[in-house]
Amino acid sequence: MIEIDGSQGEGGGQILRSSLSLSILTKQPIRIDNLRAKRRPPGLKAQHLAAVRAAAAISEAEVSGDALHSQSLTFAPKSCKAGEYTFPLETAGSSTLVFQTVALPLALTGEVSRLSFTGGTHNTQAPPLDFLERTYLPVLEKMGIRSRLEMKSAGFYPAGGGEWELELQGVERLNPVEFLERGPIAERRAVAYLANLSHHIGERELQQLQDRLNWSAEELAIEELPSRGPGNALVATLTVDSHQEVITGFGEKGVSSERVADAVADAIQQYQRAKVPVGIHLADQLLLPMALAGKGSFLTHDLTQHTKTNAKVIQKFLPVKIGFKKKGKKGTLVTIEANEIS
């Protein structure tokens, strides 16, 4: 049994999700203590519990400690089975993080899975569905995993209630990829998504973004999303040679539209100045599929604690070495390679 300290590094939910995925993929039982020790409150929240139960459903795992607020968990999987699954999340917690827990184990069965999700689709502390659709899933397709995603309705905090479906085509193995050069930004677009809110909110966000970045009116749009409750997300998509980067800001009570737009503009300018292909959110998500492929490399910003912690967890399960090397003032070269057998 592999024992994992949930308080290491960033001490959040990514340790849980990566450990569950890797436990299923390697068929190794795990015990995690100090779950989400650096979050307040610590322990499992509804979205983490949903990820545990989703992982157990696809692998017929024996589980203990799967309860709200639990800070210890044991998980012993059998074999992962492709199929049709529904993963409900009754709160506004992130359904995209539930997906990321089960996606690679299901894909590597080599068979087709059809998945239905409910819950949050646009959450401040998680990648939105737009990131999955435009960034993460296309990267997986480069590695051999084809998919088709359809959103039925959006889920914003606090109402939740989002619904989406995904068909995942399985593969036997992943193709190695690398992202080492960026080239110019070929296309850019920003959309202010609104659900049950005034268009004036989106107009202010886009005007501020235009004032900050000098984007044309043709690169800006407002779109209404069906949703159970009110919500707003400002989503910018930057297209480069290798992929698309998605940068998101969320409307919140007490936060002006201009401040939402400023945060997105700041992140866009940071990405442009860094001249690296991989943004900070994709950097974290690339580690596991590249490690499963046995090798890969990418150039990104300065590393987050999130990414460093994920690397440590992966190396507890897989015979790979994940290396980090500074490149220039703000860049980091990340390499994944198989450990040499002596």
Protein backbone atom coordinates (compact mmCIF):
# COMPACT_ATOMS: atom_id res chain seq x y z
CA MET A 1 0.00 0.00 0.00
CA ILE A 2 1.31 3.42 -0.95
CA GLU A 3 1.04 5.93 1.89
CA ILE A 4 0.58 9.60 1.02
CA ASP A 5 0.77 12.68 3.20
CA GLY A 6 -2.02 14.99 2.12
CA SER A 7 -0.38 17.94 3.87
CA GLN A 8 2.72 17.95 1.65
CA GLY A 9 3.40 20.86 -0.68
CA GLU A 10 0.25 22.74 -1.57
CA GLY A 11 -1.75 20.41 0.67
CA GLY A 12 -4.97 20.58 -1.35
CA GLY A 13 -7.31 18.44 -3.41
CA GLN A 14 -4.93 17.81 -6.31
CA ILE A 15 -3.02 15.32 -4.14
CA LEU A 16 -6.24 13.35 -3.70
CA ARG A 17 -7.25 13.43 -7.38
CA SER A 18 -3.85 12.45 -8.76
CA SER A 19 -3.47 9.71 -6.15
CA LEU A 20 -6.85 8.22 -7.01
CA SER A 21 -6.10 8.26 -10.75
CA LEU A 22 -2.68 6.70 -10.25
CA SER A 23 -3.98 4.10 -7.81
CA ILE A 24 -6.43 2.89 -10.46
CA LEU A 25 -3.88 3.02 -13.28
CA THR A 26 -1.24 1.09 -11.34
CA LYS A 27 -3.69 -1.09 -9.38
CA GLN A 28 -1.96 -0.15 -6.15
CA PRO A 29 -3.96 0.46 -2.96
CA ILE A 30 -3.36 3.76 -1.19
CA ARG A 31 -3.83 5.44 2.14
CA ILE A 32 -3.94 9.23 2.33
CA ASP A 33 -3.73 11.01 5.68
CA ASN A 34 -4.02 14.74 6.45
CA LEU A 35 -6.36 15.25 3.49
CA ARG A 36 -6.49 18.89 2.39
CA ALA A 37 -4.61 19.81 5.56
CA LYS A 38 -3.71 23.27 4.27
CA ARG A 39 -7.28 24.22 3.39
CA ARG A 40 -9.86 25.72 5.70
CA PRO A 41 -11.73 23.69 6.67
CA PRO A 42 -9.53 20.62 6.01
CA GLY A 43 -10.85 17.24 4.89
CA LEU A 44 -13.14 16.16 2.10
CA LYS A 45 -15.69 18.59 0.71
CA ALA A 46 -18.58 17.47 -1.50
CA GLN A 47 -16.61 17.76 -4.76
CA HIS A 48 -13.72 15.71 -3.35
CA LEU A 49 -16.10 13.08 -2.06
CA ALA A 50 -17.71 12.96 -5.50
CA ALA A 51 -14.27 12.36 -7.04
CA VAL A 52 -13.60 9.50 -4.59
CA ARG A 53 -16.94 7.86 -5.36
CA ALA A 54 -16.48 8.33 -9.11
CA ALA A 55 -13.04 6.70 -8.90
CA ALA A 56 -14.50 3.82 -6.87
CA ALA A 57 -17.34 3.34 -9.36
CA ILE A 58 -15.06 2.88 -12.38
CA SER A 59 -12.62 0.57 -10.56
CA GLU A 60 -14.82 -1.43 -8.17
CA ALA A 61 -12.61 -0.17 -5.35
CA GLU A 62 -12.92 -0.93 -1.68
CA VAL A 63 -12.96 2.39 0.15
CA SER A 64 -12.95 3.57 3.75
CA GLY A 65 -13.00 7.13 5.00
CA ASP A 66 -15.23 8.38 2.18
CA ALA A 67 -17.27 10.85 4.20
CA LEU A 68 -17.61 14.61 4.34
CA HIS A 69 -14.79 16.25 6.33
CA SER A 70 -12.82 13.00 6.52
CA GLN A 71 -9.06 13.60 6.68
CA SER A 72 -7.99 9.99 6.05
CA LEU A 73 -8.87 7.67 3.18
CA THR A 74 -7.96 4.17 2.04
CA PHE A 75 -8.66 3.16 -1.54
CA ALA A 76 -8.03 -0.31 -3.03
CA PRO A 77 -9.03 -0.57 -6.71
CA LYS A 78 -9.65 -3.68 -8.78
CA SER A 79 -9.71 -3.20 -12.56
CA CYS A 80 -10.94 -0.09 -14.38
CA LYS A 81 -13.93 -0.68 -16.62
CA ALA A 82 -15.05 1.55 -19.48
CA GLY A 83 -18.78 2.12 -19.86
CA GLU A 84 -21.60 4.57 -19.28
CA TYR A 85 -21.42 6.45 -16.00
CA THR A 86 -23.29 9.31 -14.34
CA PHE A 87 -21.37 11.36 -11.79
CA PRO A 88 -23.76 13.60 -9.81
CA LEU A 89 -22.64 16.51 -7.68
CA GLU A 90 -25.54 18.11 -5.86
CA THR A 91 -23.58 21.21 -4.83
CA ALA A 92 -21.89 23.88 -6.98
CA GLY A 93 -18.56 22.06 -6.50
CA SER A 94 -16.44 21.51 -9.58
CA SER A 95 -17.59 18.69 -11.85
CA THR A 96 -14.52 19.30 -14.05
CA LEU A 97 -12.28 18.13 -11.20
CA VAL A 98 -14.35 14.96 -10.88
CA PHE A 99 -13.77 14.42 -14.60
CA GLN A 100 -10.02 14.87 -14.25
CA THR A 101 -9.95 12.12 -11.61
CA VAL A 102 -11.50 9.47 -13.89
CA ALA A 103 -10.52 10.63 -17.39
CA LEU A 104 -7.11 8.99 -17.85
CA PRO A 105 -7.96 5.68 -16.16
CA LEU A 106 -11.03 5.32 -18.39
CA ALA A 107 -9.20 6.45 -21.53
CA LEU A 108 -6.41 3.92 -21.02
CA THR A 109 -8.83 0.99 -20.95
CA GLY A 110 -8.71 1.21 -24.74
CA GLU A 111 -12.51 1.28 -24.91
CA VAL A 112 -15.24 3.91 -25.27
CA SER A 113 -16.84 5.54 -22.22
CA ARG A 114 -19.84 7.84 -22.13
CA LEU A 115 -19.98 10.10 -19.11
CA SER A 116 -22.60 12.45 -17.68
CA PHE A 117 -21.80 15.09 -15.06
CA THR A 118 -23.82 17.46 -12.92
CA GLY A 119 -22.60 20.23 -10.61
CA GLY A 120 -20.44 23.29 -11.08
CA THR A 121 -18.98 24.00 -14.52
CA HIS A 122 -17.54 27.45 -13.80
CA ASN A 123 -15.84 27.65 -10.39
CA THR A 124 -13.28 30.13 -9.11
CA GLN A 125 -10.91 27.46 -7.75
CA ALA A 126 -11.03 25.00 -10.65
CA PRO A 127 -10.58 24.89 -14.42
CA PRO A 128 -13.85 25.84 -16.14
CA LEU A 129 -15.47 23.66 -18.76
CA ASP A 130 -14.04 26.00 -21.42
CA PHE A 131 -10.52 24.97 -20.34
CA LEU A 132 -11.38 21.30 -20.77
CA GLU A 133 -13.00 21.83 -24.16
CA ARG A 134 -10.42 24.15 -25.74
CA THR A 135 -7.17 23.32 -23.95
CA TYR A 136 -6.99 20.04 -22.04
CA LEU A 137 -9.02 17.74 -24.31
CA PRO A 138 -7.28 18.92 -27.53
CA VAL A 139 -3.91 18.25 -25.84
CA LEU A 140 -5.10 14.74 -24.95
CA GLU A 141 -6.16 14.31 -28.57
CA LYS A 142 -2.57 15.02 -29.63
CA MET A 143 -1.63 12.14 -27.34
CA GLY A 144 -4.21 9.83 -28.96
CA ILE A 145 -7.37 10.29 -26.86
CA ARG A 146 -10.33 11.54 -28.89
CA SER A 147 -13.39 12.97 -27.17
CA ARG A 148 -16.59 14.89 -27.72
CA LEU A 149 -18.01 17.26 -25.09
CA GLU A 150 -21.46 18.84 -24.94
CA MET A 151 -22.64 21.27 -22.27
CA LYS A 152 -26.38 21.20 -21.57
CA SER A 153 -26.37 23.94 -18.94
CA ALA A 154 -23.84 25.89 -16.90
CA GLY A 155 -23.37 25.60 -13.16
CA PHE A 156 -22.22 28.68 -11.24
CA TYR A 157 -21.70 29.14 -7.50
CA PRO A 158 -23.82 28.89 -5.39
CA ALA A 159 -26.70 27.32 -7.36
CA GLY A 160 -24.70 24.70 -9.27
CA GLY A 161 -26.91 22.48 -11.42
CA GLY A 162 -24.70 22.40 -14.49
CA GLU A 163 -25.07 19.44 -16.84
CA TRP A 164 -22.64 18.16 -19.45
CA GLU A 165 -21.77 14.97 -21.28
CA LEU A 166 -18.57 13.56 -22.69
CA GLU A 167 -17.73 10.65 -24.96
CA LEU A 168 -14.20 9.39 -24.44
CA GLN A 169 -12.48 7.16 -27.00
CA GLY A 170 -10.02 4.86 -25.28
CA VAL A 171 -6.46 4.08 -26.36
CA GLU A 172 -3.91 1.41 -25.42
CA ARG A 173 -1.05 3.87 -24.91
CA LEU A 174 -0.39 7.61 -25.03
CA ASN A 175 1.78 9.33 -27.62
CA PRO A 176 4.57 11.50 -26.17
CA VAL A 177 4.31 15.22 -26.94
CA GLU A 178 6.34 18.34 -26.27
CA PHE A 179 5.54 22.04 -26.08
CA LEU A 180 8.80 23.93 -26.36
CA GLU A 181 8.08 26.86 -28.68
CA ARG A 182 5.19 29.26 -28.79
CA GLY A 183 5.36 31.45 -31.86
CA PRO A 184 3.00 34.40 -32.31
CA ILE A 185 -0.55 34.49 -30.97
CA ALA A 186 -2.54 33.69 -34.09
CA GLU A 187 -6.01 34.40 -32.75
CA ARG A 188 -7.53 35.89 -29.63
CA ARG A 189 -11.09 36.09 -28.36
CA ALA A 190 -12.85 37.06 -25.15
CA VAL A 191 -16.40 36.12 -24.24
CA ALA A 192 -18.38 37.45 -21.29
CA TYR A 193 -20.68 34.60 -20.30
CA LEU A 194 -23.82 35.62 -18.44
CA ALA A 195 -26.53 33.56 -16.80
CA ASN A 196 -29.62 35.33 -15.52
CA LEU A 197 -27.77 38.64 -15.21
CA SER A 198 -27.86 42.01 -16.98
CA HIS A 199 -25.89 42.40 -20.22
CA HIS A 200 -24.49 45.59 -18.75
CA ILE A 201 -22.13 43.46 -16.63
CA GLY A 202 -20.61 41.84 -19.69
CA GLU A 203 -20.46 45.14 -21.57
CA ARG A 204 -18.43 46.71 -18.75
CA GLU A 205 -16.06 43.75 -18.57
CA LEU A 206 -15.41 43.78 -22.31
CA GLN A 207 -14.99 47.55 -22.42
CA GLN A 208 -12.37 47.38 -19.66
CA LEU A 209 -10.60 44.52 -21.43
CA GLN A 210 -10.61 46.50 -24.67
CA ASP A 211 -9.24 49.58 -22.90
CA ARG A 212 -6.44 47.54 -21.32
CA LEU A 213 -5.44 45.37 -24.30
CA ASN A 214 -6.64 47.32 -27.34
CA TRP A 215 -8.51 44.32 -28.75
CA SER A 216 -10.97 44.93 -31.58
CA ALA A 217 -14.74 44.71 -31.17
CA GLU A 218 -14.72 41.63 -33.43
CA GLU A 219 -12.63 39.80 -30.83
CA LEU A 220 -15.17 40.43 -28.05
CA ALA A 221 -18.60 38.90 -27.47
CA ILE A 222 -21.35 38.40 -24.91
CA GLU A 223 -23.10 35.04 -24.66
CA GLU A 224 -26.04 33.92 -22.54
CA LEU A 225 -25.78 30.52 -20.87
CA PRO A 226 -28.68 28.44 -19.59
CA SER A 227 -28.23 27.96 -15.86
CA ARG A 228 -30.17 27.24 -12.68
CA GLY A 229 -28.88 30.40 -11.01
CA PRO A 230 -27.08 33.64 -11.82
CA GLY A 231 -23.45 33.64 -12.88
CA ASN A 232 -20.75 35.39 -14.89
CA ALA A 233 -17.40 34.35 -16.32
CA LEU A 234 -15.06 36.32 -18.55
CA VAL A 235 -13.17 33.80 -20.70
CA ALA A 236 -10.27 34.73 -22.98
CA THR A 237 -8.85 32.24 -25.49
CA LEU A 238 -5.40 32.69 -27.03
CA THR A 239 -4.51 30.48 -29.98
CA VAL A 240 -0.83 29.67 -30.55
CA ASP A 241 0.86 27.16 -32.86
CA SER A 242 0.54 24.16 -30.57
CA HIS A 243 -2.71 24.70 -28.66
CA GLN A 244 -5.12 27.17 -27.09
CA GLU A 245 -4.67 28.82 -23.71
CA VAL A 246 -7.80 29.71 -21.73
CA ILE A 247 -7.70 32.49 -19.13
CA THR A 248 -10.76 33.05 -16.96
CA GLY A 249 -12.10 35.58 -14.49
CA PHE A 250 -15.29 35.15 -12.48
CA GLY A 251 -17.89 37.69 -11.46
CA GLU A 252 -18.44 37.67 -7.71
CA LYS A 253 -20.61 39.61 -5.32
CA GLY A 254 -18.81 42.80 -4.32
CA VAL A 255 -16.29 42.61 -7.18
CA SER A 256 -16.75 45.17 -9.97
CA SER A 257 -16.84 44.17 -13.62
CA GLU A 258 -13.74 46.27 -14.16
CA ARG A 259 -11.80 44.33 -11.52
CA VAL A 260 -12.82 41.02 -13.13
CA ALA A 261 -11.56 42.28 -16.50
CA ASP A 262 -8.36 43.66 -14.97
CA ALA A 263 -7.49 40.25 -13.51
CA VAL A 264 -7.95 38.61 -16.93
CA ALA A 265 -5.97 41.36 -18.66
CA ASP A 266 -3.12 40.98 -16.14
CA ALA A 267 -2.97 37.22 -16.76
CA ILE A 268 -3.00 37.69 -20.54
CA GLN A 269 -0.17 40.21 -20.36
CA GLN A 270 1.81 37.90 -18.09
CA TYR A 271 1.44 35.07 -20.62
CA GLN A 272 2.44 37.35 -23.49
CA ARG A 273 5.53 38.65 -21.69
CA ALA A 274 6.71 35.22 -20.61
CA LYS A 275 6.85 34.00 -24.22
CA VAL A 276 6.39 30.40 -23.09
CA PRO A 277 3.86 28.07 -24.75
CA VAL A 278 2.32 26.52 -21.63
CA GLY A 279 0.38 28.58 -19.10
CA ILE A 280 0.34 27.85 -15.37
CA HIS A 281 -2.94 25.88 -15.36
CA LEU A 282 -2.08 23.63 -18.28
CA ALA A 283 1.39 23.01 -16.79
CA ASP A 284 -0.18 21.26 -13.82
CA GLN A 285 -2.46 19.15 -16.02
CA LEU A 286 0.26 18.04 -18.45
CA LEU A 287 2.36 16.19 -15.89
CA LEU A 288 0.22 13.07 -15.48
CA PRO A 289 -0.51 12.26 -19.15
CA MET A 290 3.12 12.90 -20.07
CA ALA A 291 4.30 10.66 -17.23
CA LEU A 292 1.93 7.92 -18.43
CA ALA A 293 3.33 8.32 -21.95
CA GLY A 294 6.79 7.72 -20.47
CA LYS A 295 8.28 10.99 -21.62
CA GLY A 296 7.51 14.57 -22.60
CA SER A 297 8.65 18.14 -22.11
CA PHE A 298 7.27 21.64 -22.03
CA LEU A 299 8.29 25.22 -21.34
CA THR A 300 6.18 27.15 -18.87
CA HIS A 301 6.19 30.04 -16.35
CA ASP A 302 7.73 29.86 -12.92
CA LEU A 303 6.29 26.74 -11.33
CA THR A 304 3.42 26.88 -8.88
CA GLN A 305 3.49 24.87 -5.65
CA HIS A 306 0.54 22.98 -7.13
CA THR A 307 2.67 21.68 -10.01
CA LYS A 308 5.65 20.80 -7.81
CA THR A 309 3.43 18.82 -5.44
CA ASN A 310 1.74 16.98 -8.30
CA ALA A 311 5.18 15.94 -9.61
CA LYS A 312 6.08 14.43 -6.24
CA VAL A 313 2.85 12.43 -6.09
CA ILE A 314 3.29 11.09 -9.63
CA GLN A 315 6.83 9.92 -8.91
CA LYS A 316 5.59 7.84 -5.96
CA PHE A 317 3.61 5.69 -8.40
CA LEU A 318 5.39 5.73 -11.76
CA PRO A 319 9.02 4.94 -12.73
CA VAL A 320 9.63 8.40 -14.16
CA LYS A 321 11.86 11.34 -13.34
CA ILE A 322 10.32 14.80 -13.53
CA GLY A 323 12.91 17.54 -13.85
CA PHE A 324 12.67 21.32 -13.59
CA LYS A 325 15.25 23.70 -15.07
CA LYS A 326 15.12 27.48 -15.06
CA LYS A 327 15.01 29.11 -18.49
CA GLY A 328 15.56 32.86 -18.52
CA LYS A 329 14.04 35.10 -15.87
CA LYS A 330 10.51 33.71 -15.79
CA GLY A 331 10.59 30.38 -17.62
CA THR A 332 10.93 26.76 -16.51
CA LEU A 333 11.69 23.73 -18.67
CA VAL A 334 9.84 20.66 -17.42
CA THR A 335 11.06 17.25 -18.59
CA ILE A 336 9.56 13.83 -17.97
CA GLU A 337 11.58 10.72 -18.75
CA ALA A 338 11.56 7.08 -17.75
CA ASN A 339 13.91 6.10 -14.95
CA GLU A 340 16.89 4.10 -16.11
CA ILE A 341 17.00 0.54 -14.81
CA SER A 342 20.42 -0.19 -13.34
